[in-house]
Amino acid sequence: MKISRHPSRARRSLGFALAASLAGCASTGTSPQSDPRDPWEGWNREVQSFNDKLDDYMMKPVARGYQYITPSIVDQGVTNFFSNVDDVAVIGNDLLQFKLLQTGQDVGRLVVNTTLGLGGFVDVAKHLSMPKHNEDLDQTLGAWGIPSGPYLVLPFIGPSTPRGVVGVAGDTMSNPINWINPVGIPWGSGVLKTTDMRADLLSATKIMDEASVDRYEFMRNAYFQQRKYLIYDGNPPMDEDLEKEMDLELEGLDSGGSTPPPSVAAPMPTEQQPAETAGK
């Protein structure tokens, strides 16, 4: 799927699951009207609360400090570098989904940014009309028709599903940095990438916290909607219940529009009384 390279919008798609994992609800237990996609809601709410506290006491302060001391040009360079590394997994999933044209585009993008873009720190490809795509193994499994399974919130990782866990494991294995020795390099790279993404999502998390009454329910729904949006390349099928509701509303509008408005009777003209003569 094509995504924007504007720093305030691109991470909305790439880092949405991270934002969800860092915005939890402190309440526990299962709601009276439970979601059939979430049979483990009690566990999930507990873990979401843990992730939320971890975010409040560790991730947010670190992200704010990183944002404060890092010049914007360096911050953007770090973002571009990890985006370029992620293109390795994107190309593999392009092939697995038989998106051959997109595979060629992403290979060209990787080559251009790795060479002309100084290892990916400069996104040269965007100036050459070579769009950034977002593909991962979870999307590939979904495109193959494998169901996601129930909603699952994991410590430190956040919102996911059984299919999503397999996807994250596969994408982690496909990251070339994770095969570099010593192991301190992959760990340090992961910490920097997580911090960079969290810093870019500070304002988005604040908006979500203020907009939602039950943050847990809000993030659960947003997670499923975002994954569906990506799997269908930005054109997901409409929900059947919502489609029926919209059809009923349209039928109501059509029937209302066919009824002619009530006519308003014109006022009857009154006869003008003859004027009396002045001397009578």
Protein backbone atom coordinates (compact mmCIF):
# COMPACT_ATOMS: atom_id res chain seq x y z
CA MET A 1 0.00 0.00 0.00
CA LYS A 2 1.22 3.51 -0.81
CA ILE A 3 1.77 5.85 2.13
CA SER A 4 2.71 9.49 2.51
CA ARG A 5 6.26 10.51 3.23
CA HIS A 6 5.24 13.63 5.15
CA PRO A 7 6.66 13.12 8.68
CA SER A 8 3.37 13.98 10.38
CA ARG A 9 1.34 11.52 8.27
CA ALA A 10 3.60 8.67 7.21
CA ARG A 11 4.08 7.32 10.72
CA ARG A 12 0.34 7.26 11.24
CA SER A 13 0.25 4.09 9.18
CA LEU A 14 3.64 2.59 10.01
CA GLY A 15 3.47 3.20 13.75
CA PHE A 16 -0.21 2.90 14.48
CA ALA A 17 0.14 -0.37 16.36
CA LEU A 18 2.89 1.17 18.50
CA ALA A 19 0.66 4.11 19.38
CA ALA A 20 -2.10 1.70 20.31
CA SER A 21 0.22 -0.26 22.59
CA LEU A 22 1.21 2.90 24.43
CA ALA A 23 -2.29 4.23 25.07
CA GLY A 24 -4.08 1.86 27.47
CA CYS A 25 -7.04 1.98 29.76
CA ALA A 26 -6.61 1.56 33.51
CA SER A 27 -9.93 -0.22 34.03
CA THR A 28 -10.11 -4.02 34.09
CA GLY A 29 -12.67 -6.69 33.43
CA THR A 30 -15.01 -7.43 30.57
CA SER A 31 -17.58 -4.90 29.40
CA PRO A 32 -21.29 -5.88 29.54
CA GLN A 33 -21.47 -5.86 25.72
CA SER A 34 -18.33 -7.80 24.87
CA ASP A 35 -16.83 -7.73 21.40
CA PRO A 36 -16.78 -11.21 19.81
CA ARG A 37 -13.33 -10.38 18.42
CA ASP A 38 -12.03 -9.94 21.97
CA PRO A 39 -12.73 -13.06 24.09
CA TRP A 40 -9.68 -12.33 26.27
CA GLU A 41 -10.71 -8.79 27.18
CA GLY A 42 -9.94 -9.19 30.86
CA TRP A 43 -6.33 -10.17 30.18
CA ASN A 44 -5.99 -7.60 27.42
CA ARG A 45 -7.16 -4.73 29.61
CA GLU A 46 -4.68 -5.69 32.33
CA VAL A 47 -1.80 -5.78 29.86
CA GLN A 48 -2.95 -2.53 28.25
CA SER A 49 -2.88 -0.90 31.67
CA PHE A 50 0.67 -2.18 32.22
CA ASN A 51 1.78 -0.86 28.82
CA ASP A 52 0.15 2.47 29.61
CA LYS A 53 2.08 2.84 32.85
CA LEU A 54 5.29 1.84 31.10
CA ASP A 55 4.63 4.55 28.54
CA ASP A 56 3.87 7.21 31.17
CA TYR A 57 6.95 6.56 33.30
CA MET A 58 9.51 5.56 30.66
CA MET A 59 8.64 5.94 26.99
CA LYS A 60 7.11 9.42 27.03
CA PRO A 61 9.94 11.04 29.07
CA VAL A 62 12.58 9.40 26.89
CA ALA A 63 10.76 10.38 23.69
CA ARG A 64 10.37 13.99 24.85
CA GLY A 65 14.06 14.16 25.73
CA TYR A 66 15.03 12.69 22.37
CA GLN A 67 12.78 15.17 20.59
CA TYR A 68 14.24 18.06 22.58
CA ILE A 69 17.93 17.33 21.95
CA THR A 70 17.70 16.02 18.38
CA PRO A 71 17.77 18.55 15.52
CA SER A 72 14.86 18.11 13.14
CA ILE A 73 17.14 17.27 10.21
CA VAL A 74 18.80 14.49 12.22
CA ASP A 75 15.43 13.24 13.44
CA GLN A 76 14.17 13.03 9.86
CA GLY A 77 17.38 11.29 8.80
CA VAL A 78 16.92 8.61 11.46
CA THR A 79 13.31 8.13 10.35
CA ASN A 80 14.41 7.81 6.72
CA PHE A 81 17.14 5.32 7.59
CA PHE A 82 14.82 2.87 9.35
CA SER A 83 12.19 3.32 6.66
CA ASN A 84 14.80 2.33 4.09
CA VAL A 85 15.76 -0.76 6.10
CA ASP A 86 12.09 -1.72 6.36
CA ASP A 87 11.89 -1.74 2.57
CA VAL A 88 13.75 -5.07 2.61
CA ALA A 89 10.76 -6.72 4.30
CA VAL A 90 8.38 -4.75 2.09
CA ILE A 91 9.99 -6.19 -1.05
CA GLY A 92 9.73 -9.73 0.30
CA ASN A 93 6.03 -9.28 1.06
CA ASP A 94 5.48 -7.68 -2.35
CA LEU A 95 6.69 -10.93 -3.90
CA LEU A 96 4.64 -13.11 -1.56
CA GLN A 97 1.53 -11.16 -2.58
CA PHE A 98 2.47 -11.35 -6.29
CA LYS A 99 2.63 -7.56 -6.61
CA LEU A 100 5.30 -7.65 -9.28
CA LEU A 101 5.04 -4.03 -10.44
CA GLN A 102 5.20 -2.80 -6.85
CA THR A 103 8.18 -5.12 -6.25
CA GLY A 104 10.11 -3.41 -9.01
CA GLN A 105 9.23 0.02 -7.65
CA ASP A 106 10.34 -0.88 -4.13
CA VAL A 107 13.59 -2.46 -5.32
CA GLY A 108 14.37 0.71 -7.24
CA ARG A 109 13.50 2.81 -4.22
CA LEU A 110 15.79 0.75 -1.97
CA VAL A 111 18.71 0.98 -4.42
CA VAL A 112 18.32 4.73 -4.95
CA ASN A 113 18.04 5.63 -1.27
CA THR A 114 20.84 3.27 -0.20
CA THR A 115 23.27 4.69 -2.76
CA LEU A 116 22.32 8.28 -3.57
CA GLY A 117 20.60 8.75 -0.22
CA LEU A 118 23.71 8.01 1.87
CA GLY A 119 22.54 4.70 3.25
CA GLY A 120 18.92 5.78 3.45
CA PHE A 121 19.36 8.89 5.61
CA VAL A 122 18.10 11.03 2.72
CA ASP A 123 14.89 10.04 0.94
CA VAL A 124 15.98 10.78 -2.61
CA ALA A 125 13.39 8.43 -4.10
CA LYS A 126 10.44 10.60 -3.11
CA HIS A 127 11.77 13.36 -5.36
CA LEU A 128 11.89 10.88 -8.25
CA SER A 129 8.20 9.93 -7.97
CA MET A 130 9.02 6.58 -6.36
CA PRO A 131 6.33 6.15 -3.69
CA LYS A 132 6.82 4.46 -0.34
CA HIS A 133 4.74 1.31 0.21
CA ASN A 134 3.79 -0.42 3.43
CA GLU A 135 3.66 -4.22 3.37
CA ASP A 136 4.32 -6.69 6.17
CA LEU A 137 3.86 -10.41 6.80
CA ASP A 138 0.59 -9.90 8.67
CA GLN A 139 -0.84 -8.21 5.58
CA THR A 140 0.48 -11.02 3.40
CA LEU A 141 -1.15 -13.70 5.56
CA GLY A 142 -4.38 -11.71 5.53
CA ALA A 143 -4.24 -11.40 1.73
CA TRP A 144 -3.86 -15.19 1.59
CA GLY A 145 -7.13 -15.53 3.48
CA ILE A 146 -5.71 -16.56 6.85
CA PRO A 147 -7.96 -15.19 9.62
CA SER A 148 -6.44 -12.87 12.20
CA GLY A 149 -7.79 -14.68 15.22
CA PRO A 150 -8.90 -12.95 18.44
CA TYR A 151 -7.60 -9.62 19.65
CA LEU A 152 -4.51 -9.97 21.82
CA VAL A 153 -2.55 -7.35 23.77
CA LEU A 154 1.04 -8.37 24.56
CA PRO A 155 3.37 -6.83 27.16
CA PHE A 156 5.80 -4.31 25.62
CA ILE A 157 4.44 -5.04 22.11
CA GLY A 158 0.82 -3.95 22.42
CA PRO A 159 -2.25 -4.72 20.26
CA SER A 160 -1.97 -7.72 18.00
CA THR A 161 -3.59 -11.02 17.05
CA PRO A 162 -2.17 -14.55 16.70
CA ARG A 163 -1.65 -13.83 13.01
CA GLY A 164 -0.06 -10.52 13.89
CA VAL A 165 2.40 -12.21 16.26
CA VAL A 166 3.55 -14.49 13.43
CA GLY A 167 3.83 -11.45 11.20
CA VAL A 168 5.98 -9.51 13.65
CA ALA A 169 8.28 -12.52 14.12
CA GLY A 170 8.71 -12.90 10.36
CA ASP A 171 9.36 -9.20 9.79
CA THR A 172 11.89 -9.18 12.63
CA MET A 173 13.76 -12.06 11.05
CA SER A 174 13.82 -10.26 7.68
CA ASN A 175 15.43 -7.13 9.14
CA PRO A 176 19.09 -7.24 8.03
CA ILE A 177 20.26 -5.28 11.06
CA ASN A 178 19.13 -8.10 13.35
CA TRP A 179 21.71 -10.40 11.77
CA ILE A 180 24.67 -8.15 12.59
CA ASN A 181 27.15 -9.11 15.31
CA PRO A 182 27.73 -8.21 18.10
CA VAL A 183 24.16 -8.39 19.40
CA GLY A 184 24.52 -4.93 20.91
CA ILE A 185 24.05 -3.41 17.44
CA PRO A 186 20.59 -4.91 16.81
CA TRP A 187 19.48 -4.07 20.36
CA GLY A 188 20.75 -0.50 20.12
CA SER A 189 19.12 -0.11 16.72
CA GLY A 190 15.81 -1.35 18.11
CA VAL A 191 15.94 1.08 21.01
CA LEU A 192 16.69 4.01 18.70
CA LYS A 193 13.94 3.05 16.27
CA THR A 194 11.36 2.67 19.04
CA THR A 195 12.35 6.00 20.58
CA ASP A 196 12.22 7.76 17.22
CA MET A 197 8.77 6.36 16.45
CA ARG A 198 7.44 7.21 19.92
CA ALA A 199 8.67 10.78 19.61
CA ASP A 200 6.89 11.18 16.28
CA LEU A 201 3.65 9.92 17.86
CA LEU A 202 3.55 12.16 20.93
CA SER A 203 1.00 14.58 19.51
CA ALA A 204 -1.10 11.78 17.97
CA THR A 205 -1.34 9.97 21.30
CA LYS A 206 -2.49 13.14 23.05
CA ILE A 207 -5.26 13.64 20.51
CA MET A 208 -6.41 10.03 20.86
CA ASP A 209 -6.45 10.24 24.66
CA GLU A 210 -8.59 13.37 24.57
CA ALA A 211 -10.95 12.06 21.88
CA SER A 212 -11.83 8.67 23.38
CA VAL A 213 -13.99 7.84 26.40
CA ASP A 214 -12.79 4.23 26.69
CA ARG A 215 -9.27 4.23 25.28
CA TYR A 216 -9.06 0.45 25.32
CA GLU A 217 -12.16 0.05 23.14
CA PHE A 218 -11.09 2.95 20.93
CA MET A 219 -7.66 1.46 20.26
CA ARG A 220 -9.02 -2.04 19.72
CA ASN A 221 -11.42 -0.83 17.03
CA ALA A 222 -8.76 1.40 15.49
CA TYR A 223 -6.30 -1.50 15.35
CA PHE A 224 -8.69 -3.77 13.45
CA GLN A 225 -9.73 -0.95 11.11
CA GLN A 226 -6.13 -0.03 10.36
CA ARG A 227 -5.09 -3.61 9.63
CA LYS A 228 -8.11 -4.12 7.36
CA TYR A 229 -7.30 -0.87 5.58
CA LEU A 230 -3.73 -2.00 4.89
CA ILE A 231 -4.64 -5.53 3.79
CA TYR A 232 -7.07 -4.18 1.20
CA ASP A 233 -4.60 -1.50 0.02
CA GLY A 234 -6.74 1.37 1.23
CA ASN A 235 -10.01 0.10 -0.26
CA PRO A 236 -11.59 -2.24 2.31
CA PRO A 237 -15.08 -3.67 1.71
CA MET A 238 -17.86 -1.95 3.60
CA ASP A 239 -19.23 -3.65 6.70
CA GLU A 240 -22.52 -5.43 5.91
CA ASP A 241 -24.44 -3.93 8.83
CA LEU A 242 -23.22 -0.43 7.99
CA GLU A 243 -24.07 -0.95 4.31
CA LYS A 244 -27.63 -2.06 5.18
CA GLU A 245 -28.06 0.93 7.47
CA MET A 246 -26.89 3.32 4.75
CA ASP A 247 -29.24 1.67 2.22
CA LEU A 248 -32.19 2.17 4.57
CA GLU A 249 -31.26 5.82 5.07
CA LEU A 250 -30.98 6.36 1.31
CA GLU A 251 -34.36 4.70 0.76
CA GLY A 252 -35.85 7.02 3.35
CA LEU A 253 -34.38 10.02 1.57
CA ASP A 254 -35.69 8.82 -1.78
CA SER A 255 -39.21 8.28 -0.47
CA GLY A 256 -39.19 11.63 1.27
CA GLY A 257 -37.92 13.40 -1.81
CA SER A 258 -40.68 11.96 -4.03
CA THR A 259 -43.49 13.48 -1.98
CA PRO A 260 -44.40 16.88 -3.41
CA PRO A 261 -44.35 19.72 -0.94
CA PRO A 262 -47.76 20.95 0.20
CA SER A 263 -49.08 23.74 -2.00
CA VAL A 264 -49.70 27.12 -0.49
CA ALA A 265 -52.92 28.77 -1.56
CA ALA A 266 -52.51 32.20 -3.05
CA PRO A 267 -54.35 34.99 -1.20
CA MET A 268 -57.69 35.98 -2.75
CA PRO A 269 -57.67 39.48 -4.19
CA THR A 270 -59.90 41.92 -2.36
CA GLU A 271 -62.07 44.49 -4.14
CA GLN A 272 -60.92 48.03 -3.70
CA GLN A 273 -63.61 50.16 -2.08
CA PRO A 274 -64.41 53.33 -3.98
CA ALA A 275 -63.08 56.41 -2.32
CA GLU A 276 -65.67 58.71 -0.82
CA THR A 277 -65.83 62.16 -2.17
CA ALA A 278 -64.53 64.85 0.08
CA GLY A 279 -67.73 66.82 0.32
CA LYS A 280 -70.13 63.90 1.03
